[in-house]
Amino acid sequence: MCLAIPGKVLTIEKDAQPVMGNVSFAGIQRRVCLEWLPDVNVGEYVLVHVGFALSKVDEKEAKETLDILRKMGEGLDELKQDGDA
């Protein structure tokens, strides 16, 4: 199973080979390969797996997915706390 995380493109380095950019994942920034998405623009959202942007995704869907992932993380934190008691 693979998991791709949505992130917002902050910068694009078109003269880099391969094309790279900075992408924000709920505030955490990472350098990502954008080579496979030549039509992506700053401000758009992309799905990223192991450092490669695989496809574009609309902002609403990206934010919904990030919210679900955040809630899953909170649920895991609660399970850990219950297990410590």
PDB file of N, CA and C in Angstrom:
ATOM      1  N   MET A   1       0.841  -1.169   0.000  1.00  0.00           N
ATOM      2  CA  MET A   1       0.000   0.000   0.000  1.00  0.00           C
ATOM      3  C   MET A   1       0.887   1.234   0.000  1.00  0.00           C
ATOM      4  N   CYS A   2       0.493   2.226  -0.764  1.00  0.00           N
ATOM      5  CA  CYS A   2       1.231   3.485  -0.834  1.00  0.00           C
ATOM      6  C   CYS A   2       0.362   4.599  -0.270  1.00  0.00           C
ATOM      7  N   LEU A   3       1.025   5.594   0.272  1.00  0.00           N
ATOM      8  CA  LEU A   3       0.316   6.753   0.796  1.00  0.00           C
ATOM      9  C   LEU A   3       0.919   8.004   0.190  1.00  0.00           C
ATOM     10  N   ALA A   4       0.102   8.797  -0.462  1.00  0.00           N
ATOM     11  CA  ALA A   4       0.534  10.084  -1.004  1.00  0.00           C
ATOM     12  C   ALA A   4      -0.114  11.168  -0.163  1.00  0.00           C
ATOM     13  N   ILE A   5       0.655  12.178   0.187  1.00  0.00           N
ATOM     14  CA  ILE A   5       0.203  13.257   1.051  1.00  0.00           C
ATOM     15  C   ILE A   5       0.021  14.526   0.215  1.00  0.00           C
ATOM     16  N   PRO A   6      -1.091  15.237   0.390  1.00  0.00           N
ATOM     17  CA  PRO A   6      -1.266  16.491  -0.348  1.00  0.00           C
ATOM     18  C   PRO A   6      -0.452  17.617   0.272  1.00  0.00           C
ATOM     19  N   GLY A   7       0.100  18.460  -0.586  1.00  0.00           N
ATOM     20  CA  GLY A   7       0.853  19.621  -0.138  1.00  0.00           C
ATOM     21  C   GLY A   7       0.691  20.772  -1.108  1.00  0.00           C
ATOM     22  N   LYS A   8       0.918  21.975  -0.605  1.00  0.00           N
ATOM     23  CA  LYS A   8       0.773  23.189  -1.409  1.00  0.00           C
ATOM     24  C   LYS A   8       2.139  23.603  -1.950  1.00  0.00           C
ATOM     25  N   VAL A   9       2.218  23.823  -3.254  1.00  0.00           N
ATOM     26  CA  VAL A   9       3.466  24.232  -3.900  1.00  0.00           C
ATOM     27  C   VAL A   9       3.763  25.688  -3.531  1.00  0.00           C
ATOM     28  N   LEU A  10       4.930  25.905  -2.923  1.00  0.00           N
ATOM     29  CA  LEU A  10       5.337  27.247  -2.512  1.00  0.00           C
ATOM     30  C   LEU A  10       6.285  27.895  -3.510  1.00  0.00           C
ATOM     31  N   THR A  11       7.207  27.100  -4.040  1.00  0.00           N
ATOM     32  CA  THR A  11       8.174  27.595  -5.024  1.00  0.00           C
ATOM     33  C   THR A  11       8.434  26.511  -6.048  1.00  0.00           C
ATOM     34  N   ILE A  12       8.875  26.938  -7.231  1.00  0.00           N
ATOM     35  CA  ILE A  12       9.253  26.001  -8.293  1.00  0.00           C
ATOM     36  C   ILE A  12      10.588  26.442  -8.857  1.00  0.00           C
ATOM     37  N   GLU A  13      11.521  25.497  -8.963  1.00  0.00           N
ATOM     38  CA  GLU A  13      12.838  25.747  -9.551  1.00  0.00           C
ATOM     39  C   GLU A  13      12.847  25.108 -10.940  1.00  0.00           C
ATOM     40  N   LYS A  14      12.335  25.829 -11.942  1.00  0.00           N
ATOM     41  CA  LYS A  14      12.194  25.270 -13.289  1.00  0.00           C
ATOM     42  C   LYS A  14      13.530  25.019 -13.974  1.00  0.00           C
ATOM     43  N   ASP A  15      14.581  25.738 -13.558  1.00  0.00           N
ATOM     44  CA  ASP A  15      15.875  25.536 -14.207  1.00  0.00           C
ATOM     45  C   ASP A  15      16.676  24.410 -13.552  1.00  0.00           C
ATOM     46  N   ALA A  16      16.150  23.805 -12.496  1.00  0.00           N
ATOM     47  CA  ALA A  16      16.811  22.650 -11.879  1.00  0.00           C
ATOM     48  C   ALA A  16      16.502  21.410 -12.712  1.00  0.00           C
ATOM     49  N   GLN A  17      17.401  20.454 -12.697  1.00  0.00           N
ATOM     50  CA  GLN A  17      17.182  19.182 -13.382  1.00  0.00           C
ATOM     51  C   GLN A  17      17.346  18.053 -12.389  1.00  0.00           C
ATOM     52  N   PRO A  18      16.293  17.369 -12.014  1.00  0.00           N
ATOM     53  CA  PRO A  18      14.913  17.543 -12.452  1.00  0.00           C
ATOM     54  C   PRO A  18      14.298  18.781 -11.808  1.00  0.00           C
ATOM     55  N   VAL A  19      13.134  19.192 -12.302  1.00  0.00           N
ATOM     56  CA  VAL A  19      12.433  20.349 -11.748  1.00  0.00           C
ATOM     57  C   VAL A  19      12.063  20.040 -10.298  1.00  0.00           C
ATOM     58  N   MET A  20      12.417  20.956  -9.411  1.00  0.00           N
ATOM     59  CA  MET A  20      12.169  20.773  -7.979  1.00  0.00           C
ATOM     60  C   MET A  20      11.363  21.949  -7.458  1.00  0.00           C
ATOM     61  N   GLY A  21      10.841  21.802  -6.262  1.00  0.00           N
ATOM     62  CA  GLY A  21      10.124  22.889  -5.627  1.00  0.00           C
ATOM     63  C   GLY A  21       9.972  22.647  -4.141  1.00  0.00           C
ATOM     64  N   ASN A  22       9.579  23.689  -3.430  1.00  0.00           N
ATOM     65  CA  ASN A  22       9.267  23.572  -2.010  1.00  0.00           C
ATOM     66  C   ASN A  22       7.767  23.415  -1.877  1.00  0.00           C
ATOM     67  N   VAL A  23       7.371  22.423  -1.083  1.00  0.00           N
ATOM     68  CA  VAL A  23       5.958  22.108  -0.881  1.00  0.00           C
ATOM     69  C   VAL A  23       5.683  22.101   0.614  1.00  0.00           C
ATOM     70  N   SER A  24       4.550  22.689   1.000  1.00  0.00           N
ATOM     71  CA  SER A  24       4.158  22.747   2.407  1.00  0.00           C
ATOM     72  C   SER A  24       3.115  21.679   2.696  1.00  0.00           C
ATOM     73  N   PHE A  25       3.384  20.886   3.720  1.00  0.00           N
ATOM     74  CA  PHE A  25       2.451  19.859   4.194  1.00  0.00           C
ATOM     75  C   PHE A  25       1.973  20.297   5.573  1.00  0.00           C
ATOM     76  N   ALA A  26       0.862  21.046   5.613  1.00  0.00           N
ATOM     77  CA  ALA A  26       0.315  21.567   6.875  1.00  0.00           C
ATOM     78  C   ALA A  26       1.382  22.314   7.662  1.00  0.00           C
ATOM     79  N   GLY A  27       2.188  23.102   6.954  1.00  0.00           N
ATOM     80  CA  GLY A  27       3.204  23.934   7.598  1.00  0.00           C
ATOM     81  C   GLY A  27       4.607  23.367   7.586  1.00  0.00           C
ATOM     82  N   ILE A  28       4.755  22.094   7.322  1.00  0.00           N
ATOM     83  CA  ILE A  28       6.083  21.476   7.229  1.00  0.00           C
ATOM     84  C   ILE A  28       6.513  21.523   5.768  1.00  0.00           C
ATOM     85  N   GLN A  29       7.655  22.166   5.516  1.00  0.00           N
ATOM     86  CA  GLN A  29       8.110  22.327   4.133  1.00  0.00           C
ATOM     87  C   GLN A  29       9.147  21.265   3.764  1.00  0.00           C
ATOM     88  N   ARG A  30       9.008  20.761   2.556  1.00  0.00           N
ATOM     89  CA  ARG A  30       9.952  19.772   2.025  1.00  0.00           C
ATOM     90  C   ARG A  30      10.255  20.095   0.566  1.00  0.00           C
ATOM     91  N   ARG A  31      11.434  19.718   0.150  1.00  0.00           N
ATOM     92  CA  ARG A  31      11.835  19.839  -1.255  1.00  0.00           C
ATOM     93  C   ARG A  31      11.304  18.607  -1.982  1.00  0.00           C
ATOM     94  N   VAL A  32      10.617  18.845  -3.106  1.00  0.00           N
ATOM     95  CA  VAL A  32       9.909  17.786  -3.817  1.00  0.00           C
ATOM     96  C   VAL A  32      10.247  17.855  -5.297  1.00  0.00           C
ATOM     97  N   CYS A  33      10.344  16.699  -5.933  1.00  0.00           N
ATOM     98  CA  CYS A  33      10.534  16.634  -7.380  1.00  0.00           C
ATOM     99  C   CYS A  33       9.187  16.905  -8.063  1.00  0.00           C
ATOM    100  N   LEU A  34       9.166  17.922  -8.927  1.00  0.00           N
ATOM    101  CA  LEU A  34       7.954  18.299  -9.665  1.00  0.00           C
ATOM    102  C   LEU A  34       8.060  17.971 -11.155  1.00  0.00           C
ATOM    103  N   GLU A  35       9.072  17.233 -11.528  1.00  0.00           N
ATOM    104  CA  GLU A  35       9.367  16.953 -12.936  1.00  0.00           C
ATOM    105  C   GLU A  35       8.185  16.338 -13.675  1.00  0.00           C
ATOM    106  N   TRP A  36       7.415  15.495 -13.028  1.00  0.00           N
ATOM    107  CA  TRP A  36       6.332  14.782 -13.702  1.00  0.00           C
ATOM    108  C   TRP A  36       5.077  15.628 -13.883  1.00  0.00           C
ATOM    109  N   LEU A  37       5.096  16.857 -13.333  1.00  0.00           N
ATOM    110  CA  LEU A  37       3.934  17.747 -13.440  1.00  0.00           C
ATOM    111  C   LEU A  37       4.354  19.088 -14.038  1.00  0.00           C
ATOM    112  N   PRO A  38       4.644  19.106 -15.339  1.00  0.00           N
ATOM    113  CA  PRO A  38       5.165  20.335 -15.952  1.00  0.00           C
ATOM    114  C   PRO A  38       4.188  21.508 -15.939  1.00  0.00           C
ATOM    115  N   ASP A  39       2.898  21.244 -15.732  1.00  0.00           N
ATOM    116  CA  ASP A  39       1.910  22.326 -15.742  1.00  0.00           C
ATOM    117  C   ASP A  39       1.534  22.808 -14.336  1.00  0.00           C
ATOM    118  N   VAL A  40       2.235  22.335 -13.296  1.00  0.00           N
ATOM    119  CA  VAL A  40       1.908  22.758 -11.934  1.00  0.00           C
ATOM    120  C   VAL A  40       2.395  24.194 -11.704  1.00  0.00           C
ATOM    121  N   ASN A  41       1.638  24.944 -10.906  1.00  0.00           N
ATOM    122  CA  ASN A  41       1.970  26.329 -10.598  1.00  0.00           C
ATOM    123  C   ASN A  41       2.053  26.533  -9.094  1.00  0.00           C
ATOM    124  N   VAL A  42       2.772  27.585  -8.697  1.00  0.00           N
ATOM    125  CA  VAL A  42       2.839  27.963  -7.291  1.00  0.00           C
ATOM    126  C   VAL A  42       1.418  28.222  -6.795  1.00  0.00           C
ATOM    127  N   GLY A  43       1.105  27.710  -5.610  1.00  0.00           N
ATOM    128  CA  GLY A  43      -0.220  27.871  -5.020  1.00  0.00           C
ATOM    129  C   GLY A  43      -1.136  26.681  -5.237  1.00  0.00           C
ATOM    130  N   GLU A  44      -0.784  25.791  -6.177  1.00  0.00           N
ATOM    131  CA  GLU A  44      -1.592  24.605  -6.416  1.00  0.00           C
ATOM    132  C   GLU A  44      -1.190  23.498  -5.448  1.00  0.00           C
ATOM    133  N   TYR A  45      -2.062  22.510  -5.328  1.00  0.00           N
ATOM    134  CA  TYR A  45      -1.813  21.372  -4.449  1.00  0.00           C
ATOM    135  C   TYR A  45      -1.435  20.150  -5.275  1.00  0.00           C
ATOM    136  N   VAL A  46      -0.516  19.357  -4.731  1.00  0.00           N
ATOM    137  CA  VAL A  46      -0.062  18.141  -5.391  1.00  0.00           C
ATOM    138  C   VAL A  46      -0.078  16.987  -4.392  1.00  0.00           C
ATOM    139  N   LEU A  47      -0.206  15.775  -4.904  1.00  0.00           N
ATOM    140  CA  LEU A  47      -0.061  14.580  -4.086  1.00  0.00           C
ATOM    141  C   LEU A  47       1.379  14.109  -4.195  1.00  0.00           C
ATOM    142  N   VAL A  48       2.031  13.911  -3.049  1.00  0.00           N
ATOM    143  CA  VAL A  48       3.451  13.573  -3.025  1.00  0.00           C
ATOM    144  C   VAL A  48       3.655  12.219  -2.356  1.00  0.00           C
ATOM    145  N   HIS A  49       4.437  11.389  -3.012  1.00  0.00           N
ATOM    146  CA  HIS A  49       4.829  10.083  -2.470  1.00  0.00           C
ATOM    147  C   HIS A  49       6.340   9.967  -2.591  1.00  0.00           C
ATOM    148  N   VAL A  50       7.007   9.688  -1.497  1.00  0.00           N
ATOM    149  CA  VAL A  50       8.468   9.552  -1.389  1.00  0.00           C
ATOM    150  C   VAL A  50       9.231  10.646  -2.144  1.00  0.00           C
ATOM    151  N   GLY A  51       8.771  11.879  -1.996  1.00  0.00           N
ATOM    152  CA  GLY A  51       9.492  13.009  -2.561  1.00  0.00           C
ATOM    153  C   GLY A  51       9.170  13.359  -4.001  1.00  0.00           C
ATOM    154  N   PHE A  52       8.203  12.671  -4.598  1.00  0.00           N
ATOM    155  CA  PHE A  52       7.819  12.930  -5.988  1.00  0.00           C
ATOM    156  C   PHE A  52       6.352  13.349  -6.057  1.00  0.00           C
ATOM    157  N   ALA A  53       6.072  14.485  -6.692  1.00  0.00           N
ATOM    158  CA  ALA A  53       4.697  14.914  -6.919  1.00  0.00           C
ATOM    159  C   ALA A  53       4.130  14.050  -8.049  1.00  0.00           C
ATOM    160  N   LEU A  54       3.038  13.353  -7.752  1.00  0.00           N
ATOM    161  CA  LEU A  54       2.474  12.406  -8.714  1.00  0.00           C
ATOM    162  C   LEU A  54       1.302  12.970  -9.503  1.00  0.00           C
ATOM    163  N   SER A  55       0.521  13.855  -8.864  1.00  0.00           N
ATOM    164  CA  SER A  55      -0.629  14.435  -9.543  1.00  0.00           C
ATOM    165  C   SER A  55      -1.056  15.700  -8.818  1.00  0.00           C
ATOM    166  N   LYS A  56      -1.850  16.516  -9.522  1.00  0.00           N
ATOM    167  CA  LYS A  56      -2.425  17.694  -8.892  1.00  0.00           C
ATOM    168  C   LYS A  56      -3.742  17.294  -8.239  1.00  0.00           C
ATOM    169  N   VAL A  57      -4.114  18.051  -7.218  1.00  0.00           N
ATOM    170  CA  VAL A  57      -5.375  17.813  -6.524  1.00  0.00           C
ATOM    171  C   VAL A  57      -5.955  19.181  -6.178  1.00  0.00           C
ATOM    172  N   ASP A  58      -7.288  19.284  -6.167  1.00  0.00           N
ATOM    173  CA  ASP A  58      -7.865  20.595  -5.862  1.00  0.00           C
ATOM    174  C   ASP A  58      -7.725  20.908  -4.369  1.00  0.00           C
ATOM    175  N   GLU A  59      -7.784  22.192  -4.065  1.00  0.00           N
ATOM    176  CA  GLU A  59      -7.530  22.671  -2.699  1.00  0.00           C
ATOM    177  C   GLU A  59      -8.502  22.074  -1.683  1.00  0.00           C
ATOM    178  N   LYS A  60      -9.763  21.989  -2.034  1.00  0.00           N
ATOM    179  CA  LYS A  60     -10.765  21.438  -1.109  1.00  0.00           C
ATOM    180  C   LYS A  60     -10.438  20.005  -0.728  1.00  0.00           C
ATOM    181  N   GLU A  61     -10.139  19.182  -1.722  1.00  0.00           N
ATOM    182  CA  GLU A  61      -9.808  17.781  -1.465  1.00  0.00           C
ATOM    183  C   GLU A  61      -8.527  17.665  -0.644  1.00  0.00           C
ATOM    184  N   ALA A  62      -7.535  18.506  -0.957  1.00  0.00           N
ATOM    185  CA  ALA A  62      -6.280  18.476  -0.211  1.00  0.00           C
ATOM    186  C   ALA A  62      -6.514  18.797   1.254  1.00  0.00           C
ATOM    187  N   LYS A  63      -7.287  19.839   1.524  1.00  0.00           N
ATOM    188  CA  LYS A  63      -7.545  20.242   2.913  1.00  0.00           C
ATOM    189  C   LYS A  63      -8.362  19.189   3.650  1.00  0.00           C
ATOM    190  N   GLU A  64      -9.326  18.560   2.974  1.00  0.00           N
ATOM    191  CA  GLU A  64     -10.108  17.491   3.604  1.00  0.00           C
ATOM    192  C   GLU A  64      -9.209  16.310   3.974  1.00  0.00           C
ATOM    193  N   THR A  65      -8.312  15.946   3.077  1.00  0.00           N
ATOM    194  CA  THR A  65      -7.401  14.836   3.329  1.00  0.00           C
ATOM    195  C   THR A  65      -6.462  15.153   4.487  1.00  0.00           C
ATOM    196  N   LEU A  66      -5.908  16.371   4.506  1.00  0.00           N
ATOM    197  CA  LEU A  66      -5.026  16.763   5.607  1.00  0.00           C
ATOM    198  C   LEU A  66      -5.763  16.752   6.933  1.00  0.00           C
ATOM    199  N   ASP A  67      -7.036  17.163   6.943  1.00  0.00           N
ATOM    200  CA  ASP A  67      -7.829  17.143   8.163  1.00  0.00           C
ATOM    201  C   ASP A  67      -8.045  15.710   8.648  1.00  0.00           C
ATOM    202  N   ILE A  68      -8.336  14.801   7.737  1.00  0.00           N
ATOM    203  CA  ILE A  68      -8.508  13.387   8.095  1.00  0.00           C
ATOM    204  C   ILE A  68      -7.217  12.832   8.680  1.00  0.00           C
ATOM    205  N   LEU A  69      -6.088  13.125   8.051  1.00  0.00           N
ATOM    206  CA  LEU A  69      -4.797  12.639   8.560  1.00  0.00           C
ATOM    207  C   LEU A  69      -4.505  13.203   9.950  1.00  0.00           C
ATOM    208  N   ARG A  70      -4.836  14.486  10.168  1.00  0.00           N
ATOM    209  CA  ARG A  70      -4.634  15.101  11.482  1.00  0.00           C
ATOM    210  C   ARG A  70      -5.478  14.381  12.530  1.00  0.00           C
ATOM    211  N   LYS A  71      -6.739  14.108  12.210  1.00  0.00           N
ATOM    212  CA  LYS A  71      -7.632  13.421  13.140  1.00  0.00           C
ATOM    213  C   LYS A  71      -7.144  12.003  13.435  1.00  0.00           C
ATOM    214  N   MET A  72      -6.606  11.335  12.416  1.00  0.00           N
ATOM    215  CA  MET A  72      -6.062   9.991  12.633  1.00  0.00           C
ATOM    216  C   MET A  72      -4.895  10.053  13.620  1.00  0.00           C
ATOM    217  N   GLY A  73      -4.040  11.064  13.466  1.00  0.00           N
ATOM    218  CA  GLY A  73      -2.915  11.234  14.373  1.00  0.00           C
ATOM    219  C   GLY A  73      -3.375  11.489  15.793  1.00  0.00           C
ATOM    220  N   GLU A  74      -4.425  12.302  15.958  1.00  0.00           N
ATOM    221  CA  GLU A  74      -4.970  12.556  17.288  1.00  0.00           C
ATOM    222  C   GLU A  74      -5.528  11.273  17.889  1.00  0.00           C
ATOM    223  N   GLY A  75      -6.176  10.460  17.073  1.00  0.00           N
ATOM    224  CA  GLY A  75      -6.712   9.184  17.548  1.00  0.00           C
ATOM    225  C   GLY A  75      -5.608   8.254  18.007  1.00  0.00           C
ATOM    226  N   LEU A  76      -4.491   8.237  17.283  1.00  0.00           N
ATOM    227  CA  LEU A  76      -3.358   7.412  17.692  1.00  0.00           C
ATOM    228  C   LEU A  76      -2.774   7.899  19.009  1.00  0.00           C
ATOM    229  N   ASP A  77      -2.717   9.219  19.182  1.00  0.00           N
ATOM    230  CA  ASP A  77      -2.215   9.783  20.444  1.00  0.00           C
ATOM    231  C   ASP A  77      -3.099   9.351  21.607  1.00  0.00           C
ATOM    232  N   GLU A  78      -4.424   9.349  21.405  1.00  0.00           N
ATOM    233  CA  GLU A  78      -5.344   8.936  22.449  1.00  0.00           C
ATOM    234  C   GLU A  78      -5.168   7.458  22.783  1.00  0.00           C
ATOM    235  N   LEU A  79      -4.958   6.628  21.765  1.00  0.00           N
ATOM    236  CA  LEU A  79      -4.726   5.202  22.005  1.00  0.00           C
ATOM    237  C   LEU A  79      -3.460   4.978  22.818  1.00  0.00           C
ATOM    238  N   LYS A  80      -2.408   5.728  22.502  1.00  0.00           N
ATOM    239  CA  LYS A  80      -1.165   5.599  23.250  1.00  0.00           C
ATOM    240  C   LYS A  80      -1.372   5.988  24.706  1.00  0.00           C
ATOM    241  N   GLN A  81      -2.108   7.069  24.953  1.00  0.00           N
ATOM    242  CA  GLN A  81      -2.352   7.528  26.321  1.00  0.00           C
ATOM    243  C   GLN A  81      -3.171   6.502  27.083  1.00  0.00           C
ATOM    244  N   ASP A  82      -4.187   5.914  26.449  1.00  0.00           N
ATOM    245  CA  ASP A  82      -5.023   4.896  27.101  1.00  0.00           C
ATOM    246  C   ASP A  82      -4.183   3.656  27.433  1.00  0.00           C
ATOM    247  N   GLY A  83      -3.251   3.337  26.581  1.00  0.00           N
ATOM    248  CA  GLY A  83      -2.401   2.162  26.803  1.00  0.00           C
ATOM    249  C   GLY A  83      -1.413   2.352  27.938  1.00  0.00           C
ATOM    250  N   ASP A  84      -1.089   3.604  28.263  1.00  0.00           N
ATOM    251  CA  ASP A  84      -0.158   3.900  29.340  1.00  0.00           C
ATOM    252  C   ASP A  84      -0.815   3.847  30.714  1.00  0.00           C
ATOM    253  N   ALA A  85      -2.153   3.904  30.749  1.00  0.00           N
ATOM    254  CA  ALA A  85      -2.852   3.983  32.043  1.00  0.00           C
ATOM    255  C   ALA A  85      -2.943   2.648  32.726  1.00  0.00           C
TER     256      ALA A  85
END
